C-alpha atoms as a PDB file:
ATOM      1  CA  MET A   1      40.873 215.554 207.795  1.00  0.00           C
ATOM      2  CA  SER A   2      41.679 212.734 205.088  1.00  0.00           C
ATOM      3  CA  ALA A   3      45.816 212.537 203.696  1.00  0.00           C
ATOM      4  CA  ASP A   4      45.031 214.138 200.674  1.00  0.00           C
ATOM      5  CA  THR A   5      43.255 217.442 202.406  1.00  0.00           C
ATOM      6  CA  HIS A   6      45.700 217.775 205.016  1.00  0.00           C
ATOM      7  CA  SER A   7      47.394 221.098 204.732  1.00  0.00           C
ATOM      8  CA  HIS A   8      51.283 221.933 205.318  1.00  0.00           C
ATOM      9  CA  ASP A   9      50.066 224.450 207.886  1.00  0.00           C
ATOM     10  CA  ALA A  10      48.447 221.711 210.244  1.00  0.00           C
ATOM     11  CA  HIS A  11      52.367 220.689 210.764  1.00  0.00           C
ATOM     12  CA  GLY A  12      53.290 223.552 211.817  1.00  0.00           C
ATOM     13  CA  HIS A  13      56.852 225.607 211.079  1.00  0.00           C
ATOM     14  CA  ASP A  14      58.814 223.839 214.048  1.00  0.00           C
ATOM     15  CA  ALA A  15      57.763 220.309 212.350  1.00  0.00           C
ATOM     16  CA  HIS A  16      60.160 220.899 209.605  1.00  0.00           C
ATOM     17  CA  GLY A  17      62.921 222.580 211.522  1.00  0.00           C
ATOM     18  CA  HIS A  18      61.699 226.033 210.177  1.00  0.00           C
ATOM     19  CA  ASP A  19      61.974 229.184 212.094  1.00  0.00           C
ATOM     20  CA  GLU A  20      60.060 232.464 211.394  1.00  0.00           C
ATOM     21  CA  HIS A  21      62.438 234.421 212.506  1.00  0.00           C
ATOM     22  CA  ALA A  22      65.242 232.862 210.885  1.00  0.00           C
ATOM     23  CA  HIS A  23      66.169 235.550 208.353  1.00  0.00           C
ATOM     24  CA  GLY A  24      66.861 239.262 209.255  1.00  0.00           C
ATOM     25  CA  SER A  25      65.353 242.218 207.990  1.00  0.00           C
ATOM     26  CA  PHE A  26      66.195 245.109 206.280  1.00  0.00           C
ATOM     27  CA  SER A  27      67.783 246.771 209.160  1.00  0.00           C
ATOM     28  CA  SER A  28      69.637 243.521 210.333  1.00  0.00           C
ATOM     29  CA  TYR A  29      71.040 243.519 207.315  1.00  0.00           C
ATOM     30  CA  MET A  30      72.238 246.590 206.966  1.00  0.00           C
ATOM     31  CA  ILE A  31      73.609 246.931 210.130  1.00  0.00           C
ATOM     32  CA  GLY A  32      75.604 243.768 208.944  1.00  0.00           C
ATOM     33  CA  PHE A  33      76.703 245.705 205.628  1.00  0.00           C
ATOM     34  CA  VAL A  34      77.881 248.545 207.444  1.00  0.00           C
ATOM     35  CA  LEU A  35      79.753 246.829 210.082  1.00  0.00           C
ATOM     36  CA  SER A  36      81.389 244.652 207.326  1.00  0.00           C
ATOM     37  CA  VAL A  37      82.873 248.049 205.231  1.00  0.00           C
ATOM     38  CA  ILE A  38      84.018 249.278 208.378  1.00  0.00           C
ATOM     39  CA  LEU A  39      85.773 245.963 209.154  1.00  0.00           C
ATOM     40  CA  THR A  40      87.227 245.887 205.920  1.00  0.00           C
ATOM     41  CA  ALA A  41      88.149 249.653 205.425  1.00  0.00           C
ATOM     42  CA  ILE A  42      90.473 250.325 209.149  1.00  0.00           C
ATOM     43  CA  PRO A  43      92.225 247.890 208.325  1.00  0.00           C
ATOM     44  CA  PHE A  44      93.298 248.501 204.749  1.00  0.00           C
ATOM     45  CA  TRP A  45      93.736 252.384 206.097  1.00  0.00           C
ATOM     46  CA  LEU A  46      96.334 250.477 208.796  1.00  0.00           C
ATOM     47  CA  VAL A  47      98.251 248.924 206.250  1.00  0.00           C
ATOM     48  CA  MET A  48      98.099 252.339 203.468  1.00  0.00           C
ATOM     49  CA  GLY A  49      98.488 254.584 205.188  1.00  0.00           C
ATOM     50  CA  GLU A  50     101.436 252.996 207.431  1.00  0.00           C
ATOM     51  CA  VAL A  51      99.816 253.556 211.008  1.00  0.00           C
ATOM     52  CA  LEU A  52     101.464 251.293 213.030  1.00  0.00           C
ATOM     53  CA  SER A  53     105.213 250.838 212.179  1.00  0.00           C
ATOM     54  CA  ASP A  54     105.876 247.506 213.676  1.00  0.00           C
ATOM     55  CA  LYS A  55     104.329 244.868 211.030  1.00  0.00           C
ATOM     56  CA  THR A  56     104.054 242.409 213.233  1.00  0.00           C
ATOM     57  CA  LEU A  57     101.270 244.565 215.350  1.00  0.00           C
ATOM     58  CA  THR A  58      99.788 245.405 212.288  1.00  0.00           C
ATOM     59  CA  ALA A  59      99.243 241.730 211.144  1.00  0.00           C
ATOM     60  CA  ILE A  60      98.087 240.575 214.475  1.00  0.00           C
ATOM     61  CA  VAL A  61      95.491 243.791 214.426  1.00  0.00           C
ATOM     62  CA  ILE A  62      94.278 242.512 211.104  1.00  0.00           C
ATOM     63  CA  MET A  63      94.094 239.311 211.721  1.00  0.00           C
ATOM     64  CA  GLY A  64      91.565 240.778 215.056  1.00  0.00           C
ATOM     65  CA  PHE A  65      89.918 242.666 212.647  1.00  0.00           C
ATOM     66  CA  ALA A  66      89.750 239.643 210.324  1.00  0.00           C
ATOM     67  CA  VAL A  67      87.969 237.341 213.108  1.00  0.00           C
ATOM     68  CA  VAL A  68      85.551 239.935 214.382  1.00  0.00           C
ATOM     69  CA  GLN A  69      83.961 239.974 210.462  1.00  0.00           C
ATOM     70  CA  ILE A  70      83.799 236.762 210.533  1.00  0.00           C
ATOM     71  CA  VAL A  71      81.901 236.301 213.350  1.00  0.00           C
ATOM     72  CA  VAL A  72      79.583 239.693 211.979  1.00  0.00           C
ATOM     73  CA  HIS A  73      79.181 237.674 208.640  1.00  0.00           C
ATOM     74  CA  MET A  74      78.234 234.542 210.599  1.00  0.00           C
ATOM     75  CA  VAL A  75      75.788 236.920 212.685  1.00  0.00           C
ATOM     76  CA  PHE A  76      74.347 239.245 210.290  1.00  0.00           C
ATOM     77  CA  PHE A  77      74.709 237.181 207.443  1.00  0.00           C
ATOM     78  CA  LEU A  78      74.374 233.270 207.638  1.00  0.00           C
ATOM     79  CA  HIS A  79      72.156 233.858 211.451  1.00  0.00           C
ATOM     80  CA  MET A  80      74.494 231.459 213.152  1.00  0.00           C
ATOM     81  CA  THR A  81      73.359 231.835 216.622  1.00  0.00           C
ATOM     82  CA  PRO A  82      73.110 229.235 219.883  1.00  0.00           C
ATOM     83  CA  LYS A  83      68.865 229.664 218.945  1.00  0.00           C
ATOM     84  CA  ALA A  84      69.235 228.789 215.035  1.00  0.00           C
ATOM     85  CA  GLU A  85      68.387 225.004 214.346  1.00  0.00           C
ATOM     86  CA  GLY A  86      68.203 223.953 217.927  1.00  0.00           C
ATOM     87  CA  GLY A  87      71.488 224.692 218.221  1.00  0.00           C
ATOM     88  CA  TRP A  88      72.797 222.321 216.289  1.00  0.00           C
ATOM     89  CA  SER A  89      74.168 224.445 213.601  1.00  0.00           C
ATOM     90  CA  PHE A  90      76.203 226.478 216.580  1.00  0.00           C
ATOM     91  CA  THR A  91      77.461 223.135 217.855  1.00  0.00           C
ATOM     92  CA  ALA A  92      78.607 222.478 214.557  1.00  0.00           C
ATOM     93  CA  LEU A  93      80.547 225.833 214.141  1.00  0.00           C
ATOM     94  CA  ILE A  94      82.207 225.534 217.611  1.00  0.00           C
ATOM     95  CA  PHE A  95      83.363 221.554 216.600  1.00  0.00           C
ATOM     96  CA  THR A  96      84.730 222.921 213.192  1.00  0.00           C
ATOM     97  CA  VAL A  97      86.969 225.660 215.271  1.00  0.00           C
ATOM     98  CA  ILE A  98      87.855 223.826 217.430  1.00  0.00           C
ATOM     99  CA  VAL A  99      89.573 220.970 214.780  1.00  0.00           C
ATOM    100  CA  VAL A 100      90.804 223.562 212.661  1.00  0.00           C
ATOM    101  CA  VAL A 101      92.418 225.341 215.554  1.00  0.00           C
ATOM    102  CA  ILE A 102      93.985 222.033 217.005  1.00  0.00           C
ATOM    103  CA  ALA A 103      95.009 221.409 212.802  1.00  0.00           C
ATOM    104  CA  LEU A 104      96.641 224.852 212.345  1.00  0.00           C
ATOM    105  CA  SER A 105      98.464 225.210 215.935  1.00  0.00           C
ATOM    106  CA  GLY A 106      99.553 221.529 215.516  1.00  0.00           C
ATOM    107  CA  SER A 107     100.788 222.320 211.931  1.00  0.00           C
ATOM    108  CA  LEU A 108     102.589 225.307 213.141  1.00  0.00           C
ATOM    109  CA  TRP A 109     104.216 223.634 216.424  1.00  0.00           C
ATOM    110  CA  VAL A 110     105.705 220.464 213.809  1.00  0.00           C
ATOM    111  CA  MET A 111     106.940 222.635 211.146  1.00  0.00           C
ATOM    112  CA  TYR A 112     108.885 225.390 213.965  1.00  0.00           C
ATOM    113  CA  HIS A 113     110.881 222.254 215.433  1.00  0.00           C
ATOM    114  CA  LEU A 114     111.528 220.827 212.044  1.00  0.00           C
ATOM    115  CA  ASN A 115     112.842 224.060 211.186  1.00  0.00           C
ATOM    116  CA  THR A 116     114.679 224.702 214.728  1.00  0.00           C
ATOM    117  CA  ASN A 117     116.107 220.993 214.814  1.00  0.00           C
ATOM    118  CA  MET A 118     117.041 219.776 211.210  1.00  0.00           C
ATOM    119  CA  MET A 119     119.017 223.117 210.101  1.00  0.00           C
ATOM    120  CA  PRO A 120     122.588 222.954 210.408  1.00  0.00           C
ATOM    121  CA  THR A 121     123.852 224.458 213.098  1.00  0.00           C
ATOM    122  CA  HIS A 122     127.294 225.411 211.112  1.00  0.00           C
ATOM    123  CA  GLU A 123     128.026 228.465 208.510  1.00  0.00           C
ATOM    124  CA  MET A 124     127.953 226.866 204.819  1.00  0.00           C
ATOM    125  CA  SER A 125     130.329 229.289 203.562  1.00  0.00           C
ATOM    126  CA  GLN A 126     133.207 228.719 206.141  1.00  0.00           C
ATOM    127  CA  PRO A 127     135.935 226.433 204.906  1.00  0.00           C
ATOM    128  CA  ARG A 128     136.811 223.049 206.648  1.00  0.00           C
END
C-alpha cells in the first residue's frame, strides 16, 4: 500500500487519541439533564420557600448542591472520567482543583487574619 492510498482507518482510532465511546448516548445526556434540573430546583426551593431557618446552613447546602452539579456536568456532558484520554484530562482536572483550593483557602486565611489583626480594638465613637 503506497502512502497516497493509505487510509485514515489504517491508523486506528487510538493512534490519534480518539475513543469510540467518548461521546455519550441520548439516554446519558437525558440522565445528566434531569439530574441538573433536580440539582437546580432543590436549592431554588430551599431559598424561595425559606425551608431552612439558618442562613449559614442554607448557604452550605446550596454550595454542596453546586459541587454535585459540577460533577454531574463533568461526567455526563464533558465526559471527564478517569478513562477519558488515557486519564490525562482527569489528572489535569485534579491538579486544577488542588491549585484552586489552595489559592482560595490561602486567600480566605490571609483576609481573615488581616481583618482580625488590623482592625482597631477601641470604639471609634468614644471620646478620648
